[in-house]
Amino acid sequence: MRRLLPLLTGLFYGVFSLFAASPADTVALWEGHKVRHGKEVSLLVYRPERPTGVSVIVCPGGSYHWLDREVEGREVGAWLSERGITAFVLFYRTVGIPEFIFHSRILFRGKRHPDMITDAQRALQWVWEHADACRIDRDKIGMMGFSAGGHLVMSAACYSRTRFLEDTGIRTEAPLRPAFVAPVYPVVTMQRPFVHKRSRRGLLGDNHQHDRVLMDSLSLEMHIPEGCPPVFLVNCIDDPVVQFRNSVLLDSALTARGVPHRYLQYETGGHGFGVNENRGSSRSRQWKHEFLGWLKGLYPEITAD
């Protein structure tokens, strides 16, 4: 049953997303580029009526196996745009449900690291290069991610000096460092005892998930760089999916490196609530208002709820 539950969840979100309303703009990020499985990668662009110039690339979660396209994707994009923040929801490459069931990546490469971080860097490049058309400030492009998406956006902050894009033949002047990062109930470590094993398997691959070098290199608490962008971190102690100490490790690492950040830890709220007003707890649902207040401290033009 424990293996069946995430499968049913992924199927639900996949079917539900077919009927969900789409925003005005959909961008095929790898169109014109020969990238393995690149056709499935896209940005959904949510344009506010009165843009503040601040923008956020949103990365839904899903254990690197699938994506919660609605609650952690479209709902978040719409919520941000209603507050004057231009949102770009990134549907990055994930392993897929058949591979989750049949472990086919033991024989075939499939989708794995660095595919996901390459998609994130491509999104940062595209948004930076289209800033004028999207009416945003190139210096105010942040990222927000949920669960495994939280690991992805924090990876973008940690590994911005590594140009994964160059392996696709793309060389760009775009700075691939986000201006700020908001990991929400994120996966952080690939190490025992707090690792989220399904995300590790999704990211590293079936036959590399215990590779010590890969586990070390993708455990974010070990790789906070000098000049890391400001971080807004949220999780709940009763999270039944990602062990809450993932965020504790990240908070400690950010503190040790002197990175400006805010860490909100709620007693209750669980996992997977996004910005939804019917999920989580009454306390945990306050995170999004706290985030707007924090963001206003960086950019006064933001209007806090």
C-alpha atoms as a PDB file:
ATOM      1  CA  MET A   1       0.000   0.000   0.000  1.00  0.00           C
ATOM      2  CA  ARG A   2       2.894   2.366   0.750  1.00  0.00           C
ATOM      3  CA  ARG A   3       4.134   1.931  -2.833  1.00  0.00           C
ATOM      4  CA  LEU A   4       0.642   2.174  -4.305  1.00  0.00           C
ATOM      5  CA  LEU A   5      -0.254   5.492  -2.651  1.00  0.00           C
ATOM      6  CA  PRO A   6       2.316   7.681  -4.477  1.00  0.00           C
ATOM      7  CA  LEU A   7       1.395   5.977  -7.740  1.00  0.00           C
ATOM      8  CA  LEU A   8      -2.307   6.738  -7.287  1.00  0.00           C
ATOM      9  CA  THR A   9      -1.437  10.301  -6.279  1.00  0.00           C
ATOM     10  CA  GLY A  10       0.631  10.787  -9.411  1.00  0.00           C
ATOM     11  CA  LEU A  11      -2.124   9.356 -11.596  1.00  0.00           C
ATOM     12  CA  PHE A  12      -4.687  11.649  -9.961  1.00  0.00           C
ATOM     13  CA  TYR A  13      -2.651  14.775 -10.596  1.00  0.00           C
ATOM     14  CA  GLY A  14      -1.869  13.680 -14.145  1.00  0.00           C
ATOM     15  CA  VAL A  15      -5.535  13.155 -15.009  1.00  0.00           C
ATOM     16  CA  PHE A  16      -6.698  16.254 -13.135  1.00  0.00           C
ATOM     17  CA  SER A  17      -4.223  18.457 -14.947  1.00  0.00           C
ATOM     18  CA  LEU A  18      -5.783  17.539 -18.291  1.00  0.00           C
ATOM     19  CA  PHE A  19      -8.972  19.327 -17.290  1.00  0.00           C
ATOM     20  CA  ALA A  20      -7.452  22.256 -15.409  1.00  0.00           C
ATOM     21  CA  ALA A  21      -7.545  25.719 -16.941  1.00  0.00           C
ATOM     22  CA  SER A  22      -4.335  26.862 -18.607  1.00  0.00           C
ATOM     23  CA  PRO A  23      -2.852  30.346 -18.366  1.00  0.00           C
ATOM     24  CA  ALA A  24      -2.498  32.614 -21.378  1.00  0.00           C
ATOM     25  CA  ASP A  25       1.041  31.637 -22.366  1.00  0.00           C
ATOM     26  CA  THR A  26       2.756  28.274 -22.655  1.00  0.00           C
ATOM     27  CA  VAL A  27       6.420  28.188 -23.632  1.00  0.00           C
ATOM     28  CA  ALA A  28       8.095  25.036 -24.970  1.00  0.00           C
ATOM     29  CA  LEU A  29      11.493  25.555 -23.376  1.00  0.00           C
ATOM     30  CA  TRP A  30      13.515  23.203 -25.550  1.00  0.00           C
ATOM     31  CA  GLU A  31      11.849  23.917 -28.881  1.00  0.00           C
ATOM     32  CA  GLY A  32      14.539  24.068 -31.551  1.00  0.00           C
ATOM     33  CA  HIS A  33      17.058  22.223 -29.363  1.00  0.00           C
ATOM     34  CA  LYS A  34      17.929  18.547 -29.477  1.00  0.00           C
ATOM     35  CA  VAL A  35      17.432  17.631 -25.836  1.00  0.00           C
ATOM     36  CA  ARG A  36      16.444  14.161 -24.659  1.00  0.00           C
ATOM     37  CA  HIS A  37      12.764  14.236 -23.571  1.00  0.00           C
ATOM     38  CA  GLY A  38      12.806  18.004 -23.989  1.00  0.00           C
ATOM     39  CA  LYS A  39       9.331  18.181 -25.553  1.00  0.00           C
ATOM     40  CA  GLU A  40       7.707  17.640 -22.154  1.00  0.00           C
ATOM     41  CA  VAL A  41       9.412  20.671 -20.586  1.00  0.00           C
ATOM     42  CA  SER A  42       7.406  23.890 -20.533  1.00  0.00           C
ATOM     43  CA  LEU A  43       6.811  27.167 -18.742  1.00  0.00           C
ATOM     44  CA  LEU A  44       3.321  28.430 -17.964  1.00  0.00           C
ATOM     45  CA  VAL A  45       3.438  32.218 -17.802  1.00  0.00           C
ATOM     46  CA  TYR A  46       1.101  34.083 -15.432  1.00  0.00           C
ATOM     47  CA  ARG A  47       1.121  37.807 -16.167  1.00  0.00           C
ATOM     48  CA  PRO A  48      -0.317  40.157 -13.517  1.00  0.00           C
ATOM     49  CA  GLU A  49      -2.443  43.120 -14.515  1.00  0.00           C
ATOM     50  CA  ARG A  50      -0.108  45.442 -12.636  1.00  0.00           C
ATOM     51  CA  PRO A  51       3.347  43.852 -12.590  1.00  0.00           C
ATOM     52  CA  THR A  52       5.743  44.890  -9.858  1.00  0.00           C
ATOM     53  CA  GLY A  53       8.757  43.748 -11.856  1.00  0.00           C
ATOM     54  CA  VAL A  54       9.390  40.869  -9.444  1.00  0.00           C
ATOM     55  CA  SER A  55       9.076  37.358 -10.877  1.00  0.00           C
ATOM     56  CA  VAL A  56       9.164  33.798  -9.553  1.00  0.00           C
ATOM     57  CA  ILE A  57       9.906  30.528 -11.343  1.00  0.00           C
ATOM     58  CA  VAL A  58       7.721  27.908  -9.617  1.00  0.00           C
ATOM     59  CA  CYS A  59       8.818  24.266  -9.446  1.00  0.00           C
ATOM     60  CA  PRO A  60       6.109  21.801  -8.324  1.00  0.00           C
ATOM     61  CA  GLY A  61       7.006  18.716  -6.336  1.00  0.00           C
ATOM     62  CA  GLY A  62       6.467  15.038  -6.990  1.00  0.00           C
ATOM     63  CA  SER A  63       9.540  13.121  -5.780  1.00  0.00           C
ATOM     64  CA  TYR A  64      11.272  13.751  -9.122  1.00  0.00           C
ATOM     65  CA  HIS A  65       8.913  11.045 -10.441  1.00  0.00           C
ATOM     66  CA  TRP A  66       5.886  13.183 -11.396  1.00  0.00           C
ATOM     67  CA  LEU A  67       4.600  16.709 -10.874  1.00  0.00           C
ATOM     68  CA  ASP A  68       1.786  18.173  -8.796  1.00  0.00           C
ATOM     69  CA  ARG A  69       0.815  20.441 -11.657  1.00  0.00           C
ATOM     70  CA  GLU A  70      -2.276  21.880  -9.990  1.00  0.00           C
ATOM     71  CA  VAL A  71      -1.835  22.526  -6.242  1.00  0.00           C
ATOM     72  CA  GLU A  72       1.915  23.224  -6.371  1.00  0.00           C
ATOM     73  CA  GLY A  73       1.874  24.551  -9.927  1.00  0.00           C
ATOM     74  CA  ARG A  74      -1.091  26.377 -11.434  1.00  0.00           C
ATOM     75  CA  GLU A  75      -2.591  27.430  -8.101  1.00  0.00           C
ATOM     76  CA  VAL A  76       0.729  28.953  -7.039  1.00  0.00           C
ATOM     77  CA  GLY A  77       1.194  30.732 -10.362  1.00  0.00           C
ATOM     78  CA  ALA A  78      -2.270  32.259 -10.182  1.00  0.00           C
ATOM     79  CA  TRP A  79      -1.812  33.277  -6.528  1.00  0.00           C
ATOM     80  CA  LEU A  80       1.473  35.051  -7.246  1.00  0.00           C
ATOM     81  CA  SER A  81       0.165  36.856 -10.318  1.00  0.00           C
ATOM     82  CA  GLU A  82      -2.842  38.141  -8.376  1.00  0.00           C
ATOM     83  CA  ARG A  83      -0.322  39.923  -6.162  1.00  0.00           C
ATOM     84  CA  GLY A  84       1.596  41.592  -8.955  1.00  0.00           C
ATOM     85  CA  ILE A  85       4.333  38.935  -9.191  1.00  0.00           C
ATOM     86  CA  THR A  86       4.901  37.470 -12.640  1.00  0.00           C
ATOM     87  CA  ALA A  87       4.977  33.695 -12.279  1.00  0.00           C
ATOM     88  CA  PHE A  88       6.558  31.080 -14.514  1.00  0.00           C
ATOM     89  CA  VAL A  89       5.473  27.548 -13.584  1.00  0.00           C
ATOM     90  CA  LEU A  90       8.145  25.111 -14.727  1.00  0.00           C
ATOM     91  CA  PHE A  91       7.122  21.609 -15.745  1.00  0.00           C
ATOM     92  CA  TYR A  92      10.569  20.031 -15.707  1.00  0.00           C
ATOM     93  CA  ARG A  93      11.569  16.513 -16.662  1.00  0.00           C
ATOM     94  CA  THR A  94      10.568  13.786 -14.204  1.00  0.00           C
ATOM     95  CA  VAL A  95      11.054  10.037 -14.230  1.00  0.00           C
ATOM     96  CA  GLY A  96       7.462   9.036 -15.004  1.00  0.00           C
ATOM     97  CA  ILE A  97       4.980   6.551 -13.585  1.00  0.00           C
ATOM     98  CA  PRO A  98       5.918   3.571 -15.837  1.00  0.00           C
ATOM     99  CA  GLU A  99       9.561   3.896 -14.786  1.00  0.00           C
ATOM    100  CA  PHE A 100       8.481   4.164 -11.150  1.00  0.00           C
ATOM    101  CA  ILE A 101       6.605   0.862 -11.441  1.00  0.00           C
ATOM    102  CA  PHE A 102       8.969  -1.171 -13.604  1.00  0.00           C
ATOM    103  CA  HIS A 103      12.402   0.181 -12.591  1.00  0.00           C
ATOM    104  CA  SER A 104      13.321   0.380 -16.267  1.00  0.00           C
ATOM    105  CA  ARG A 105      16.158   2.801 -15.571  1.00  0.00           C
ATOM    106  CA  ILE A 106      18.215  -0.134 -14.388  1.00  0.00           C
ATOM    107  CA  LEU A 107      18.616  -0.938 -18.097  1.00  0.00           C
ATOM    108  CA  PHE A 108      17.964   2.432 -19.742  1.00  0.00           C
ATOM    109  CA  ARG A 109      19.121   5.905 -18.762  1.00  0.00           C
ATOM    110  CA  GLY A 110      15.660   7.467 -18.662  1.00  0.00           C
ATOM    111  CA  LYS A 111      15.410  10.878 -16.967  1.00  0.00           C
ATOM    112  CA  ARG A 112      17.738  11.658 -14.082  1.00  0.00           C
ATOM    113  CA  HIS A 113      20.266  14.200 -12.840  1.00  0.00           C
ATOM    114  CA  PRO A 114      21.329  16.538 -14.400  1.00  0.00           C
ATOM    115  CA  ASP A 115      18.164  16.733 -16.530  1.00  0.00           C
ATOM    116  CA  MET A 116      16.147  18.529 -13.860  1.00  0.00           C
ATOM    117  CA  ILE A 117      18.725  21.169 -12.949  1.00  0.00           C
ATOM    118  CA  THR A 118      19.393  21.714 -16.664  1.00  0.00           C
ATOM    119  CA  ASP A 119      15.680  22.470 -17.138  1.00  0.00           C
ATOM    120  CA  ALA A 120      15.811  24.891 -14.202  1.00  0.00           C
ATOM    121  CA  GLN A 121      18.810  26.711 -15.674  1.00  0.00           C
ATOM    122  CA  ARG A 122      17.079  26.848 -19.041  1.00  0.00           C
ATOM    123  CA  ALA A 123      14.063  28.453 -17.353  1.00  0.00           C
ATOM    124  CA  LEU A 124      16.295  31.046 -15.668  1.00  0.00           C
ATOM    125  CA  GLN A 125      17.950  31.797 -19.009  1.00  0.00           C
ATOM    126  CA  TRP A 126      14.645  32.110 -20.878  1.00  0.00           C
ATOM    127  CA  VAL A 127      13.069  34.402 -18.276  1.00  0.00           C
ATOM    128  CA  TRP A 128      16.172  36.602 -18.133  1.00  0.00           C
ATOM    129  CA  GLU A 129      16.310  36.912 -21.931  1.00  0.00           C
ATOM    130  CA  HIS A 130      12.569  37.715 -22.175  1.00  0.00           C
ATOM    131  CA  ALA A 131      12.443  40.090 -19.218  1.00  0.00           C
ATOM    132  CA  ASP A 132      11.484  43.147 -21.253  1.00  0.00           C
ATOM    133  CA  ALA A 133       8.631  41.385 -23.039  1.00  0.00           C
ATOM    134  CA  CYS A 134       7.373  39.998 -19.730  1.00  0.00           C
ATOM    135  CA  ARG A 135       7.702  43.413 -17.999  1.00  0.00           C
ATOM    136  CA  ILE A 136       9.987  42.144 -15.262  1.00  0.00           C
ATOM    137  CA  ASP A 137      13.283  43.237 -13.729  1.00  0.00           C
ATOM    138  CA  ARG A 138      16.231  41.000 -14.677  1.00  0.00           C
ATOM    139  CA  ASP A 139      17.676  41.454 -11.187  1.00  0.00           C
ATOM    140  CA  LYS A 140      14.496  40.259  -9.444  1.00  0.00           C
ATOM    141  CA  ILE A 141      13.996  36.741 -10.813  1.00  0.00           C
ATOM    142  CA  GLY A 142      13.489  34.344  -7.905  1.00  0.00           C
ATOM    143  CA  MET A 143      12.489  30.703  -7.555  1.00  0.00           C
ATOM    144  CA  MET A 144       9.980  28.844  -5.405  1.00  0.00           C
ATOM    145  CA  GLY A 145       9.749  25.073  -5.125  1.00  0.00           C
ATOM    146  CA  PHE A 146       7.782  22.473  -3.218  1.00  0.00           C
ATOM    147  CA  SER A 147       9.073  19.148  -1.874  1.00  0.00           C
ATOM    148  CA  ALA A 148      11.394  17.777  -4.611  1.00  0.00           C
ATOM    149  CA  GLY A 149      10.824  21.099  -6.377  1.00  0.00           C
ATOM    150  CA  GLY A 150      12.260  22.707  -3.250  1.00  0.00           C
ATOM    151  CA  HIS A 151      15.388  20.627  -3.720  1.00  0.00           C
ATOM    152  CA  LEU A 152      15.507  21.752  -7.352  1.00  0.00           C
ATOM    153  CA  VAL A 153      15.274  25.496  -6.665  1.00  0.00           C
ATOM    154  CA  MET A 154      17.811  25.242  -3.862  1.00  0.00           C
ATOM    155  CA  SER A 155      20.063  23.308  -6.249  1.00  0.00           C
ATOM    156  CA  ALA A 156      19.762  26.219  -8.665  1.00  0.00           C
ATOM    157  CA  ALA A 157      21.058  28.483  -5.898  1.00  0.00           C
ATOM    158  CA  CYS A 158      23.837  26.109  -4.826  1.00  0.00           C
ATOM    159  CA  TYR A 159      25.132  25.137  -8.270  1.00  0.00           C
ATOM    160  CA  SER A 160      24.625  28.330 -10.274  1.00  0.00           C
ATOM    161  CA  ARG A 161      28.324  28.430 -11.155  1.00  0.00           C
ATOM    162  CA  THR A 162      28.094  25.016 -12.816  1.00  0.00           C
ATOM    163  CA  ARG A 163      26.833  25.608 -16.349  1.00  0.00           C
ATOM    164  CA  PHE A 164      24.765  22.484 -16.950  1.00  0.00           C
ATOM    165  CA  LEU A 165      23.260  24.276 -19.958  1.00  0.00           C
ATOM    166  CA  GLU A 166      26.530  24.070 -21.844  1.00  0.00           C
ATOM    167  CA  ASP A 167      26.077  20.314 -22.235  1.00  0.00           C
ATOM    168  CA  THR A 168      23.091  21.131 -24.455  1.00  0.00           C
ATOM    169  CA  GLY A 169      25.173  23.473 -26.608  1.00  0.00           C
ATOM    170  CA  ILE A 170      23.736  26.643 -25.049  1.00  0.00           C
ATOM    171  CA  ARG A 171      26.094  29.392 -23.966  1.00  0.00           C
ATOM    172  CA  THR A 172      24.437  32.399 -22.405  1.00  0.00           C
ATOM    173  CA  GLU A 173      25.298  35.641 -20.694  1.00  0.00           C
ATOM    174  CA  ALA A 174      22.349  35.160 -18.355  1.00  0.00           C
ATOM    175  CA  PRO A 175      23.372  34.859 -14.705  1.00  0.00           C
ATOM    176  CA  LEU A 176      21.987  31.486 -13.662  1.00  0.00           C
ATOM    177  CA  ARG A 177      21.780  32.500 -10.004  1.00  0.00           C
ATOM    178  CA  PRO A 178      18.231  33.206  -8.768  1.00  0.00           C
ATOM    179  CA  ALA A 179      17.792  36.485  -6.900  1.00  0.00           C
ATOM    180  CA  PHE A 180      16.040  34.680  -4.025  1.00  0.00           C
ATOM    181  CA  VAL A 181      14.815  31.172  -3.294  1.00  0.00           C
ATOM    182  CA  ALA A 182      11.783  29.834  -1.409  1.00  0.00           C
ATOM    183  CA  PRO A 183      11.981  26.074  -0.749  1.00  0.00           C
ATOM    184  CA  VAL A 184       8.705  24.895   0.840  1.00  0.00           C
ATOM    185  CA  TYR A 185       8.746  21.582   2.792  1.00  0.00           C
ATOM    186  CA  PRO A 186      11.809  20.713   0.672  1.00  0.00           C
ATOM    187  CA  VAL A 187      13.820  17.587   0.120  1.00  0.00           C
ATOM    188  CA  VAL A 188      17.357  18.599   1.107  1.00  0.00           C
ATOM    189  CA  THR A 189      19.649  15.686   1.871  1.00  0.00           C
ATOM    190  CA  MET A 190      20.436  12.465   0.009  1.00  0.00           C
ATOM    191  CA  GLN A 191      21.965  10.984   3.156  1.00  0.00           C
ATOM    192  CA  ARG A 192      20.612   8.758   5.874  1.00  0.00           C
ATOM    193  CA  PRO A 193      18.789   8.988   8.210  1.00  0.00           C
ATOM    194  CA  PHE A 194      16.634  11.818   6.817  1.00  0.00           C
ATOM    195  CA  VAL A 195      16.744  11.143   3.078  1.00  0.00           C
ATOM    196  CA  HIS A 196      13.470  10.960   1.147  1.00  0.00           C
ATOM    197  CA  LYS A 197      14.270   7.727  -0.648  1.00  0.00           C
ATOM    198  CA  ARG A 198      11.777   8.107  -3.501  1.00  0.00           C
ATOM    199  CA  SER A 199      13.202  11.510  -4.428  1.00  0.00           C
ATOM    200  CA  ARG A 200      16.738  10.155  -4.240  1.00  0.00           C
ATOM    201  CA  ARG A 201      15.811   7.284  -6.514  1.00  0.00           C
ATOM    202  CA  GLY A 202      14.093   9.683  -8.909  1.00  0.00           C
ATOM    203  CA  LEU A 203      17.028  12.078  -9.059  1.00  0.00           C
ATOM    204  CA  LEU A 204      19.956   9.654  -9.084  1.00  0.00           C
ATOM    205  CA  GLY A 205      18.427   6.706 -10.972  1.00  0.00           C
ATOM    206  CA  ASP A 206      17.630   3.143  -9.987  1.00  0.00           C
ATOM    207  CA  ASN A 207      21.185   1.899 -10.354  1.00  0.00           C
ATOM    208  CA  HIS A 208      22.908   5.009  -8.949  1.00  0.00           C
ATOM    209  CA  GLN A 209      20.734   5.847  -5.959  1.00  0.00           C
ATOM    210  CA  HIS A 210      23.372   4.567  -3.538  1.00  0.00           C
ATOM    211  CA  ASP A 211      26.339   6.088  -5.324  1.00  0.00           C
ATOM    212  CA  ARG A 212      28.278   7.814  -2.554  1.00  0.00           C
ATOM    213  CA  VAL A 213      29.718  10.555  -4.771  1.00  0.00           C
ATOM    214  CA  LEU A 214      26.300  11.457  -6.194  1.00  0.00           C
ATOM    215  CA  MET A 215      24.665  11.378  -2.768  1.00  0.00           C
ATOM    216  CA  ASP A 216      27.310  13.706  -1.392  1.00  0.00           C
ATOM    217  CA  SER A 217      27.232  16.069  -4.364  1.00  0.00           C
ATOM    218  CA  LEU A 218      23.430  16.464  -4.287  1.00  0.00           C
ATOM    219  CA  SER A 219      23.012  16.782  -0.508  1.00  0.00           C
ATOM    220  CA  LEU A 220      22.409  20.524  -0.416  1.00  0.00           C
ATOM    221  CA  GLU A 221      23.344  21.057   3.208  1.00  0.00           C
ATOM    222  CA  MET A 222      26.921  20.247   2.180  1.00  0.00           C
ATOM    223  CA  HIS A 223      27.107  22.721  -0.708  1.00  0.00           C
ATOM    224  CA  ILE A 224      25.872  26.147   0.375  1.00  0.00           C
ATOM    225  CA  PRO A 225      28.028  28.514  -1.690  1.00  0.00           C
ATOM    226  CA  GLU A 226      29.527  31.849  -0.855  1.00  0.00           C
ATOM    227  CA  GLY A 227      27.100  34.454  -2.128  1.00  0.00           C
ATOM    228  CA  CYS A 228      24.070  32.197  -1.839  1.00  0.00           C
ATOM    229  CA  PRO A 229      20.895  34.225  -2.516  1.00  0.00           C
ATOM    230  CA  PRO A 230      18.446  34.965   0.325  1.00  0.00           C
ATOM    231  CA  VAL A 231      16.296  31.987   1.301  1.00  0.00           C
ATOM    232  CA  PHE A 232      12.747  31.705   2.657  1.00  0.00           C
ATOM    233  CA  LEU A 233      12.324  28.210   4.122  1.00  0.00           C
ATOM    234  CA  VAL A 234       9.102  26.557   5.357  1.00  0.00           C
ATOM    235  CA  ASN A 235       8.123  23.137   6.666  1.00  0.00           C
ATOM    236  CA  CYS A 236       6.003  21.325   9.263  1.00  0.00           C
ATOM    237  CA  ILE A 237       7.125  19.001  12.039  1.00  0.00           C
ATOM    238  CA  ASP A 238       4.294  16.552  11.306  1.00  0.00           C
ATOM    239  CA  ASP A 239       5.264  16.203   7.627  1.00  0.00           C
ATOM    240  CA  PRO A 240       4.521  12.519   6.810  1.00  0.00           C
ATOM    241  CA  VAL A 241       6.409  12.531   3.491  1.00  0.00           C
ATOM    242  CA  VAL A 242       9.681  14.449   3.826  1.00  0.00           C
ATOM    243  CA  GLN A 243      11.320  14.171   7.246  1.00  0.00           C
ATOM    244  CA  PHE A 244      11.152  17.653   8.775  1.00  0.00           C
ATOM    245  CA  ARG A 245      14.834  17.561   9.726  1.00  0.00           C
ATOM    246  CA  ASN A 246      15.676  18.086   6.051  1.00  0.00           C
ATOM    247  CA  SER A 247      14.790  21.737   6.598  1.00  0.00           C
ATOM    248  CA  VAL A 248      16.600  21.821   9.930  1.00  0.00           C
ATOM    249  CA  LEU A 249      19.774  20.696   8.143  1.00  0.00           C
ATOM    250  CA  LEU A 250      19.325  23.422   5.541  1.00  0.00           C
ATOM    251  CA  ASP A 251      18.638  26.082   8.161  1.00  0.00           C
ATOM    252  CA  SER A 252      21.787  25.100  10.044  1.00  0.00           C
ATOM    253  CA  ALA A 253      23.891  25.148   6.878  1.00  0.00           C
ATOM    254  CA  LEU A 254      22.563  28.558   5.851  1.00  0.00           C
ATOM    255  CA  THR A 255      23.245  29.921   9.330  1.00  0.00           C
ATOM    256  CA  ALA A 256      26.785  28.540   9.332  1.00  0.00           C
ATOM    257  CA  ARG A 257      27.489  30.197   5.976  1.00  0.00           C
ATOM    258  CA  GLY A 258      25.935  33.509   7.015  1.00  0.00           C
ATOM    259  CA  VAL A 259      23.259  33.406   4.317  1.00  0.00           C
ATOM    260  CA  PRO A 260      20.341  35.815   4.926  1.00  0.00           C
ATOM    261  CA  HIS A 261      17.292  33.640   5.386  1.00  0.00           C
ATOM    262  CA  ARG A 262      14.081  33.120   7.276  1.00  0.00           C
ATOM    263  CA  TYR A 263      12.970  29.719   8.526  1.00  0.00           C
ATOM    264  CA  LEU A 264       9.350  29.047   9.488  1.00  0.00           C
ATOM    265  CA  GLN A 265       8.683  25.730  11.197  1.00  0.00           C
ATOM    266  CA  TYR A 266       5.066  24.861  11.986  1.00  0.00           C
ATOM    267  CA  GLU A 267       3.939  22.132  14.369  1.00  0.00           C
ATOM    268  CA  THR A 268       1.158  20.936  12.068  1.00  0.00           C
ATOM    269  CA  GLY A 269       0.295  21.195   8.396  1.00  0.00           C
ATOM    270  CA  GLY A 270       1.753  18.068   6.890  1.00  0.00           C
ATOM    271  CA  HIS A 271       2.892  18.125   3.294  1.00  0.00           C
ATOM    272  CA  GLY A 272       1.631  19.152  -0.125  1.00  0.00           C
ATOM    273  CA  PHE A 273      -0.513  22.143   0.843  1.00  0.00           C
ATOM    274  CA  GLY A 274       0.990  24.694  -1.546  1.00  0.00           C
ATOM    275  CA  VAL A 275      -1.003  27.928  -1.306  1.00  0.00           C
ATOM    276  CA  ASN A 276      -4.307  26.056  -1.056  1.00  0.00           C
ATOM    277  CA  GLU A 277      -6.731  27.401   1.556  1.00  0.00           C
ATOM    278  CA  ASN A 278      -8.195  23.946   2.236  1.00  0.00           C
ATOM    279  CA  ARG A 279      -4.954  22.058   2.884  1.00  0.00           C
ATOM    280  CA  GLY A 280      -2.462  22.070   5.699  1.00  0.00           C
ATOM    281  CA  SER A 281      -3.407  23.669   9.012  1.00  0.00           C
ATOM    282  CA  SER A 282      -4.653  27.141   9.886  1.00  0.00           C
ATOM    283  CA  ARG A 283      -1.148  27.963  11.116  1.00  0.00           C
ATOM    284  CA  SER A 284       0.782  26.523   8.184  1.00  0.00           C
ATOM    285  CA  ARG A 285      -1.438  28.339   5.699  1.00  0.00           C
ATOM    286  CA  GLN A 286       0.005  31.585   7.025  1.00  0.00           C
ATOM    287  CA  TRP A 287       3.337  30.865   5.356  1.00  0.00           C
ATOM    288  CA  LYS A 288       2.349  32.548   2.114  1.00  0.00           C
ATOM    289  CA  HIS A 289       1.481  35.821   3.851  1.00  0.00           C
ATOM    290  CA  GLU A 290       4.772  35.647   5.737  1.00  0.00           C
ATOM    291  CA  PHE A 291       6.524  35.068   2.428  1.00  0.00           C
ATOM    292  CA  LEU A 292       5.000  38.202   0.913  1.00  0.00           C
ATOM    293  CA  GLY A 293       6.096  40.202   3.943  1.00  0.00           C
ATOM    294  CA  TRP A 294       9.622  38.800   3.641  1.00  0.00           C
ATOM    295  CA  LEU A 295       9.685  39.541  -0.085  1.00  0.00           C
ATOM    296  CA  LYS A 296       8.514  43.099   0.578  1.00  0.00           C
ATOM    297  CA  GLY A 297      11.588  43.482   2.770  1.00  0.00           C
ATOM    298  CA  LEU A 298      13.692  42.729  -0.317  1.00  0.00           C
ATOM    299  CA  TYR A 299      11.509  44.658  -2.771  1.00  0.00           C
ATOM    300  CA  PRO A 300       9.328  47.422  -1.273  1.00  0.00           C
ATOM    301  CA  GLU A 301       7.140  47.504  -4.379  1.00  0.00           C
ATOM    302  CA  ILE A 302       5.562  44.197  -3.293  1.00  0.00           C
ATOM    303  CA  THR A 303       2.171  44.545  -1.590  1.00  0.00           C
ATOM    304  CA  ALA A 304       1.905  42.238   1.427  1.00  0.00           C
ATOM    305  CA  ASP A 305      -1.439  40.578   2.180  1.00  0.00           C
END
